[in-house]
């Protein structure tokens, strides 16, 4: 059965093949072997590029299946410079956080929308922060950005909050290294028009994501540095 997909990552497998991580519309993340894909005349060679919407078919009953068909649905999204690093970053997040064969059509649609936004070569921060927030929500790890986790009172725009693992955002008296309620409410409403909100979203999402990753590392962050 044909399935829409994007290539998240490829690496060599034996002499002439590739091991490919796909994000598919129907089955979420899938690992496949692309036999002979390293050969010059392989029809798979030119298709298996990142950020290109594909129509794929694979067979097998195990975690590692065999890719039979890969055909482009349209041209790849063009990501350059920092946008390219952002593309690598969101690919890594999906690989690390999404279990194999967990169908999440919302994540597939979010991923393609984010590629479109990154390819526009405008301000990258809003697209990246929005992706992180929504990805965590779809995976069941959403941070409640509207209510205090301890008191259940609404987040106040003029108060400061800090994030507690396994609990959420809690009010604090100090503003040092904490998050202003105004910026958290902007995040809840997907409003990233000011630098302070983007910075708050960046640092809060990093806290949450690093906790979820455990001992896994995001290699694409090194490219930014």
Protein backbone atom coordinates (compact mmCIF):
# COMPACT_ATOMS: atom_id res chain seq x y z
CA UNK A 1 0.00 0.00 0.00
CA UNK A 2 1.37 3.41 -0.98
CA UNK A 3 2.00 5.89 1.83
CA UNK A 4 3.07 9.54 1.94
CA UNK A 5 6.45 10.02 3.61
CA UNK A 6 9.47 12.22 4.30
CA UNK A 7 13.04 11.02 4.81
CA UNK A 8 14.28 11.91 8.29
CA UNK A 9 17.72 10.27 8.11
CA UNK A 10 19.79 7.86 6.02
CA UNK A 11 22.96 5.93 6.73
CA UNK A 12 24.96 3.30 4.84
CA UNK A 13 23.84 -0.31 5.17
CA UNK A 14 26.16 -3.01 3.87
CA UNK A 15 27.92 -2.24 0.58
CA UNK A 16 25.22 -0.84 -1.67
CA UNK A 17 22.18 -0.15 0.50
CA UNK A 18 20.84 2.50 2.86
CA UNK A 19 19.06 2.32 6.18
CA UNK A 20 16.34 4.98 6.03
CA UNK A 21 14.21 6.56 8.76
CA UNK A 22 10.88 7.72 7.34
CA UNK A 23 8.08 9.84 8.74
CA UNK A 24 4.95 8.44 7.12
CA UNK A 25 1.38 9.69 7.12
CA UNK A 26 -0.23 6.35 7.92
CA UNK A 27 2.26 4.71 10.31
CA UNK A 28 4.37 7.47 11.83
CA UNK A 29 8.07 6.69 12.04
CA UNK A 30 9.22 3.66 10.05
CA UNK A 31 12.69 2.17 9.45
CA UNK A 32 13.34 0.61 6.03
CA UNK A 33 16.20 -0.86 4.06
CA UNK A 34 16.64 0.65 0.61
CA UNK A 35 18.41 -2.17 -1.20
CA UNK A 36 20.93 -1.01 -3.81
CA UNK A 37 20.16 2.67 -3.17
CA UNK A 38 23.87 3.57 -3.24
CA UNK A 39 24.29 2.27 -6.77
CA UNK A 40 24.59 4.99 -9.41
CA UNK A 41 21.73 3.66 -11.52
CA UNK A 42 19.36 2.91 -8.64
CA UNK A 43 15.96 4.60 -9.08
CA UNK A 44 15.92 5.09 -5.30
CA UNK A 45 19.17 7.06 -5.18
CA UNK A 46 17.80 10.40 -6.35
CA UNK A 47 14.51 10.10 -4.46
CA UNK A 48 15.74 9.53 -0.94
CA UNK A 49 16.57 13.11 -0.06
CA UNK A 50 15.43 15.02 3.00
CA UNK A 51 12.52 17.48 2.96
CA UNK A 52 10.99 15.99 -0.20
CA UNK A 53 7.40 14.64 -0.08
CA UNK A 54 7.42 11.04 -1.32
CA UNK A 55 5.04 8.26 -2.17
CA UNK A 56 6.50 5.06 -0.73
CA UNK A 57 5.72 1.38 -0.43
CA UNK A 58 7.53 -1.07 1.85
CA UNK A 59 7.00 -4.65 2.95
CA UNK A 60 7.85 -6.77 5.94
CA UNK A 61 6.52 -7.57 9.40
CA UNK A 62 9.45 -6.54 11.54
CA UNK A 63 10.80 -3.22 12.81
CA UNK A 64 13.12 -3.11 9.80
CA UNK A 65 11.17 -3.39 6.55
CA UNK A 66 12.17 -3.32 2.88
CA UNK A 67 11.52 -0.28 0.72
CA UNK A 68 10.01 -1.27 -2.63
CA UNK A 69 8.88 2.04 -4.14
CA UNK A 70 9.86 5.67 -3.54
CA UNK A 71 8.57 8.33 -5.91
CA UNK A 72 8.59 12.13 -5.49
CA UNK A 73 5.20 13.77 -5.07
CA UNK A 74 6.63 17.25 -5.65
CA UNK A 75 9.92 19.12 -5.35
CA UNK A 76 11.77 19.15 -2.05
CA UNK A 77 11.37 22.11 0.25
CA UNK A 78 14.47 24.27 -0.17
CA UNK A 79 16.16 24.93 3.17
CA UNK A 80 19.39 26.92 3.26
CA UNK A 81 21.69 28.27 5.96
CA UNK A 82 20.09 28.33 9.40
CA UNK A 83 16.83 27.03 7.97
CA UNK A 84 18.66 23.85 6.94
CA UNK A 85 19.98 23.38 10.49
CA UNK A 86 16.42 23.89 11.76
CA UNK A 87 15.29 21.14 9.40
CA UNK A 88 17.93 18.78 10.78
CA UNK A 89 16.81 19.72 14.30
CA UNK A 90 13.12 18.90 13.81
CA UNK A 91 14.12 15.63 12.12
CA UNK A 92 16.17 14.67 15.18
CA UNK A 93 13.35 15.56 17.55
CA UNK A 94 10.95 13.28 15.71
CA UNK A 95 13.46 10.42 15.59
CA UNK A 96 14.15 10.68 19.33
CA UNK A 97 10.63 11.37 20.61
CA UNK A 98 8.26 9.50 18.28
CA UNK A 99 8.07 5.74 18.73
CA UNK A 100 8.12 3.57 15.62
CA UNK A 101 4.76 2.67 14.06
CA UNK A 102 2.85 5.21 16.16
CA UNK A 103 0.43 6.80 13.72
CA UNK A 104 0.24 10.58 14.20
CA UNK A 105 -1.23 12.24 11.13
CA UNK A 106 -1.17 15.56 13.04
CA UNK A 107 2.61 15.32 13.39
CA UNK A 108 3.03 14.58 9.67
CA UNK A 109 0.91 17.64 8.80
CA UNK A 110 2.74 19.79 11.38
CA UNK A 111 6.09 18.65 9.96
CA UNK A 112 5.18 19.57 6.39
CA UNK A 113 3.73 22.92 7.49
CA UNK A 114 6.95 23.69 9.38
CA UNK A 115 9.10 22.82 6.34
CA UNK A 116 6.99 25.24 4.31
CA UNK A 117 7.51 27.99 6.90
CA UNK A 118 11.26 27.37 7.12
CA UNK A 119 11.60 27.40 3.33
CA UNK A 120 10.21 30.95 3.21
CA UNK A 121 13.54 32.14 4.70
CA UNK A 122 11.87 34.66 7.00
CA UNK A 123 12.10 34.73 10.81
CA UNK A 124 12.81 31.12 11.76
CA UNK A 125 12.18 31.37 15.51
CA UNK A 126 8.34 31.45 15.39
CA UNK A 127 8.19 28.37 13.12
CA UNK A 128 10.62 26.43 15.30
CA UNK A 129 9.02 27.33 18.63
CA UNK A 130 5.53 26.60 17.32
CA UNK A 131 6.72 23.20 16.07
CA UNK A 132 8.20 22.29 19.48
CA UNK A 133 5.07 23.29 21.40
CA UNK A 134 2.69 21.44 19.09
CA UNK A 135 4.92 18.35 18.80
CA UNK A 136 4.94 17.95 22.59
CA UNK A 137 1.18 18.41 22.67
CA UNK A 138 0.57 15.73 20.01
CA UNK A 139 2.91 13.33 21.83
CA UNK A 140 1.09 13.81 25.14
CA UNK A 141 3.84 15.89 26.78
CA UNK A 142 2.16 19.29 26.54
CA UNK A 143 3.13 22.01 29.01
CA UNK A 144 0.09 23.80 30.45
CA UNK A 145 0.83 27.42 29.56
CA UNK A 146 -2.36 28.91 30.96
CA UNK A 147 -2.61 27.62 34.56
CA UNK A 148 -0.31 27.25 37.57
CA UNK A 149 0.39 23.54 38.11
CA UNK A 150 0.24 23.81 41.92
CA UNK A 151 -2.63 26.20 42.56
CA UNK A 152 -4.58 25.74 39.29
CA UNK A 153 -4.95 29.52 39.15
CA UNK A 154 -4.71 31.15 35.70
CA UNK A 155 -1.24 32.30 34.68
CA UNK A 156 -0.96 36.03 35.47
CA UNK A 157 0.76 38.20 32.88
CA UNK A 158 2.75 40.15 35.50
CA UNK A 159 3.96 37.20 37.59
CA UNK A 160 6.93 34.86 37.14
CA UNK A 161 6.90 31.06 36.87
CA UNK A 162 9.39 28.22 36.79
CA UNK A 163 9.03 24.72 35.35
CA UNK A 164 9.05 21.67 37.63
CA UNK A 165 9.67 18.21 36.15
CA UNK A 166 6.58 15.94 36.17
CA UNK A 167 4.45 18.86 37.41
CA UNK A 168 4.49 21.96 35.25
CA UNK A 169 4.74 25.73 35.64
CA UNK A 170 4.61 27.10 39.18
CA UNK A 171 4.63 30.68 40.42
CA UNK A 172 7.78 32.12 41.99
CA UNK A 173 8.61 35.43 43.67
CA UNK A 174 11.91 35.88 41.85
CA UNK A 175 12.25 36.88 38.22
CA UNK A 176 15.80 35.56 37.92
CA UNK A 177 16.01 32.84 35.25
CA UNK A 178 12.23 32.45 35.38
CA UNK A 179 9.47 32.91 32.85
CA UNK A 180 7.16 35.95 32.78
CA UNK A 181 3.47 35.07 32.59
CA UNK A 182 2.89 37.48 29.69
CA UNK A 183 5.30 35.54 27.52
CA UNK A 184 3.85 32.17 28.55
CA UNK A 185 0.36 33.36 27.56
CA UNK A 186 1.74 34.53 24.22
CA UNK A 187 3.14 31.03 23.71
CA UNK A 188 -0.24 29.50 24.56
CA UNK A 189 -1.81 31.65 21.85
CA UNK A 190 1.01 30.99 19.33
CA UNK A 191 1.99 34.68 19.33
CA UNK A 192 5.71 35.04 18.65
CA UNK A 193 5.91 38.66 17.53
CA UNK A 194 8.39 39.83 20.18
CA UNK A 195 11.92 38.70 21.01
CA UNK A 196 11.16 38.09 24.70
CA UNK A 197 8.41 35.57 23.96
CA UNK A 198 10.65 33.72 21.48
CA UNK A 199 13.44 33.59 24.07
CA UNK A 200 11.07 32.33 26.76
CA UNK A 201 9.76 29.65 24.39
CA UNK A 202 13.30 28.63 23.42
CA UNK A 203 14.53 28.17 27.00
CA UNK A 204 11.35 26.55 28.32
CA UNK A 205 11.12 24.09 25.43
CA UNK A 206 14.80 23.25 25.87
CA UNK A 207 14.18 22.42 29.55
CA UNK A 208 11.23 20.18 28.75
CA UNK A 209 12.78 18.49 25.71
CA UNK A 210 16.11 17.77 27.40
CA UNK A 211 14.22 16.11 30.24
CA UNK A 212 12.34 13.92 27.73
CA UNK A 213 15.51 13.06 25.80
CA UNK A 214 17.34 11.82 28.88
CA UNK A 215 20.88 10.90 27.81
CA UNK A 216 20.19 11.40 24.10
CA UNK A 217 21.83 14.39 22.41
CA UNK A 218 20.67 16.67 19.61
CA UNK A 219 23.62 16.81 17.22
CA UNK A 220 22.16 19.57 15.04
CA UNK A 221 22.51 22.06 17.91
CA UNK A 222 26.26 21.85 17.39
CA UNK A 223 25.77 23.09 13.83
CA UNK A 224 24.19 26.30 15.15
CA UNK A 225 27.21 26.87 17.37
